[in-house]
C-alpha cells in the first residue's frame, strides 16, 4: 500500500487543473475536497487496521 504522502500528492496533482472551475462554487469545492481526502484517509486507516488484525 502506498503511504499517505503519496495519496495526498496524487490528489493534489489530479485536482489542481480543475480548481479554476470550482473557485466559483466554494461549497462544491469543499465537498469535492472532503470526498477526495476522505477516500485517502479511508485507505490509510483500512490498511493500518488490516495489518493489525492479521498479526495475532
N, C-alpha and C. Protein backbone atom coordinates (compact mmCIF):
# COMPACT_ATOMS: atom_id res chain seq x y z
N UNK A 1 0.84 -1.19 0.00
CA UNK A 1 0.00 0.00 0.00
C UNK A 1 0.88 1.25 0.00
N UNK A 2 0.53 2.22 -0.81
CA UNK A 2 1.30 3.47 -0.79
C UNK A 2 1.05 4.25 0.49
N UNK A 3 1.99 5.07 0.83
CA UNK A 3 1.87 5.87 2.04
C UNK A 3 0.90 7.02 1.88
N UNK A 4 0.62 7.68 2.97
CA UNK A 4 -0.31 8.80 2.97
C UNK A 4 0.20 9.95 2.11
N UNK A 5 1.47 10.22 2.17
CA UNK A 5 2.04 11.33 1.40
C UNK A 5 1.85 11.10 -0.10
N UNK A 6 1.97 9.87 -0.55
CA UNK A 6 1.78 9.58 -1.97
C UNK A 6 0.34 9.84 -2.38
N UNK A 7 -0.60 9.44 -1.53
CA UNK A 7 -2.02 9.67 -1.81
C UNK A 7 -2.34 11.15 -1.88
N UNK A 8 -1.84 11.92 -0.93
CA UNK A 8 -2.09 13.36 -0.93
C UNK A 8 -1.43 14.03 -2.13
N UNK A 9 -0.25 13.57 -2.50
CA UNK A 9 0.47 14.10 -3.65
C UNK A 9 -0.33 13.86 -4.93
N UNK A 10 -0.86 12.66 -5.09
CA UNK A 10 -1.64 12.32 -6.28
C UNK A 10 -2.93 13.13 -6.32
N UNK A 11 -3.61 13.24 -5.19
CA UNK A 11 -4.85 14.02 -5.14
C UNK A 11 -4.59 15.47 -5.53
N UNK A 12 -3.51 16.05 -5.03
CA UNK A 12 -3.21 17.44 -5.35
C UNK A 12 -2.95 17.62 -6.84
N UNK A 13 -2.25 16.70 -7.47
CA UNK A 13 -1.95 16.85 -8.88
C UNK A 13 -3.14 16.52 -9.78
N UNK A 14 -4.04 15.68 -9.32
CA UNK A 14 -5.22 15.36 -10.12
C UNK A 14 -6.24 16.49 -10.03
N UNK A 15 -6.40 17.08 -8.86
CA UNK A 15 -7.42 18.10 -8.64
C UNK A 15 -6.99 19.48 -9.10
N UNK A 16 -5.72 19.76 -9.07
CA UNK A 16 -5.22 21.11 -9.36
C UNK A 16 -5.72 21.71 -10.69
N UNK A 17 -5.77 20.96 -11.81
CA UNK A 17 -6.26 21.57 -13.05
C UNK A 17 -7.73 22.00 -13.00
N UNK A 18 -8.52 21.36 -12.14
CA UNK A 18 -9.95 21.66 -12.08
C UNK A 18 -10.31 22.71 -11.04
N UNK A 19 -9.33 23.21 -10.33
CA UNK A 19 -9.59 24.16 -9.24
C UNK A 19 -10.18 25.46 -9.78
N UNK A 20 -9.75 25.91 -10.94
CA UNK A 20 -10.27 27.16 -11.51
C UNK A 20 -11.79 27.09 -11.71
N UNK A 21 -12.29 25.94 -12.08
CA UNK A 21 -13.73 25.77 -12.28
C UNK A 21 -14.46 25.86 -10.95
N UNK A 22 -13.91 25.23 -9.92
CA UNK A 22 -14.59 25.14 -8.63
C UNK A 22 -14.43 26.39 -7.77
N UNK A 23 -13.58 27.34 -8.17
CA UNK A 23 -13.41 28.57 -7.38
C UNK A 23 -14.70 29.38 -7.33
N UNK A 24 -15.53 29.26 -8.33
CA UNK A 24 -16.79 30.00 -8.37
C UNK A 24 -17.89 29.30 -7.57
N UNK A 25 -17.64 28.06 -7.15
CA UNK A 25 -18.62 27.29 -6.37
C UNK A 25 -17.93 26.75 -5.12
N UNK A 26 -17.77 27.56 -4.07
CA UNK A 26 -16.97 27.12 -2.91
C UNK A 26 -17.56 25.93 -2.15
N UNK A 27 -18.87 25.81 -2.10
CA UNK A 27 -19.48 24.67 -1.39
C UNK A 27 -19.17 23.37 -2.13
N UNK A 28 -19.29 23.41 -3.45
CA UNK A 28 -18.97 22.22 -4.25
C UNK A 28 -17.49 21.86 -4.13
N UNK A 29 -16.64 22.87 -4.09
CA UNK A 29 -15.21 22.63 -3.93
C UNK A 29 -14.91 21.98 -2.57
N UNK A 30 -15.56 22.45 -1.54
CA UNK A 30 -15.38 21.86 -0.21
C UNK A 30 -15.84 20.40 -0.19
N UNK A 31 -16.97 20.13 -0.80
CA UNK A 31 -17.46 18.75 -0.86
C UNK A 31 -16.51 17.84 -1.63
N UNK A 32 -15.97 18.33 -2.73
CA UNK A 32 -15.02 17.53 -3.51
C UNK A 32 -13.77 17.22 -2.69
N UNK A 33 -13.26 18.23 -1.98
CA UNK A 33 -12.07 18.01 -1.16
C UNK A 33 -12.35 17.02 -0.04
N UNK A 34 -13.51 17.13 0.59
CA UNK A 34 -13.87 16.19 1.65
C UNK A 34 -13.95 14.76 1.12
N UNK A 35 -14.52 14.60 -0.06
CA UNK A 35 -14.63 13.26 -0.65
C UNK A 35 -13.26 12.69 -1.00
N UNK A 36 -12.42 13.50 -1.64
CA UNK A 36 -11.11 13.01 -2.05
C UNK A 36 -10.20 12.69 -0.87
N UNK A 37 -10.10 13.62 0.08
CA UNK A 37 -9.25 13.38 1.24
C UNK A 37 -9.85 12.31 2.16
N UNK A 38 -11.16 12.19 2.17
CA UNK A 38 -11.81 11.12 2.92
C UNK A 38 -11.47 9.75 2.36
N UNK A 39 -11.41 9.66 1.03
CA UNK A 39 -11.03 8.39 0.39
C UNK A 39 -9.60 8.01 0.73
N UNK A 40 -8.70 8.99 0.72
CA UNK A 40 -7.31 8.72 1.09
C UNK A 40 -7.22 8.28 2.54
N UNK A 41 -7.93 8.97 3.42
CA UNK A 41 -7.91 8.60 4.84
C UNK A 41 -8.49 7.21 5.06
N UNK A 42 -9.54 6.86 4.34
CA UNK A 42 -10.14 5.53 4.46
C UNK A 42 -9.15 4.44 4.06
N UNK A 43 -8.45 4.64 2.97
CA UNK A 43 -7.47 3.64 2.51
C UNK A 43 -6.35 3.49 3.54
N UNK A 44 -5.88 4.60 4.09
CA UNK A 44 -4.81 4.54 5.07
C UNK A 44 -5.27 3.84 6.34
N UNK A 45 -6.44 4.19 6.84
CA UNK A 45 -6.95 3.55 8.06
C UNK A 45 -7.25 2.08 7.84
N UNK A 46 -7.80 1.76 6.67
CA UNK A 46 -8.11 0.36 6.37
C UNK A 46 -6.84 -0.48 6.34
N UNK A 47 -5.79 0.05 5.72
CA UNK A 47 -4.54 -0.71 5.66
C UNK A 47 -3.89 -0.81 7.04
N UNK A 48 -4.03 0.20 7.86
CA UNK A 48 -3.44 0.17 9.20
C UNK A 48 -4.13 -0.87 10.07
N UNK A 49 -5.45 -0.91 10.03
CA UNK A 49 -6.18 -1.87 10.87
C UNK A 49 -6.14 -3.27 10.29
N UNK A 50 -6.03 -3.41 8.98
CA UNK A 50 -5.93 -4.74 8.37
C UNK A 50 -4.60 -5.39 8.76
N UNK A 51 -3.54 -4.61 8.78
CA UNK A 51 -2.24 -5.15 9.17
C UNK A 51 -2.25 -5.54 10.64
N UNK A 52 -2.97 -4.79 11.45
CA UNK A 52 -3.04 -5.08 12.88
C UNK A 52 -3.83 -6.34 13.15
N UNK A 53 -4.91 -6.57 12.39
CA UNK A 53 -5.75 -7.74 12.65
C UNK A 53 -5.13 -9.03 12.08
N UNK A 54 -4.23 -8.94 11.11
CA UNK A 54 -3.60 -10.13 10.55
C UNK A 54 -2.54 -10.70 11.47
N UNK A 55 -1.94 -9.86 12.28
CA UNK A 55 -0.90 -10.31 13.20
C UNK A 55 -1.49 -10.57 14.57
N UNK A 56 -1.73 -11.85 14.93
CA UNK A 56 -2.36 -12.13 16.23
C UNK A 56 -1.44 -11.88 17.41
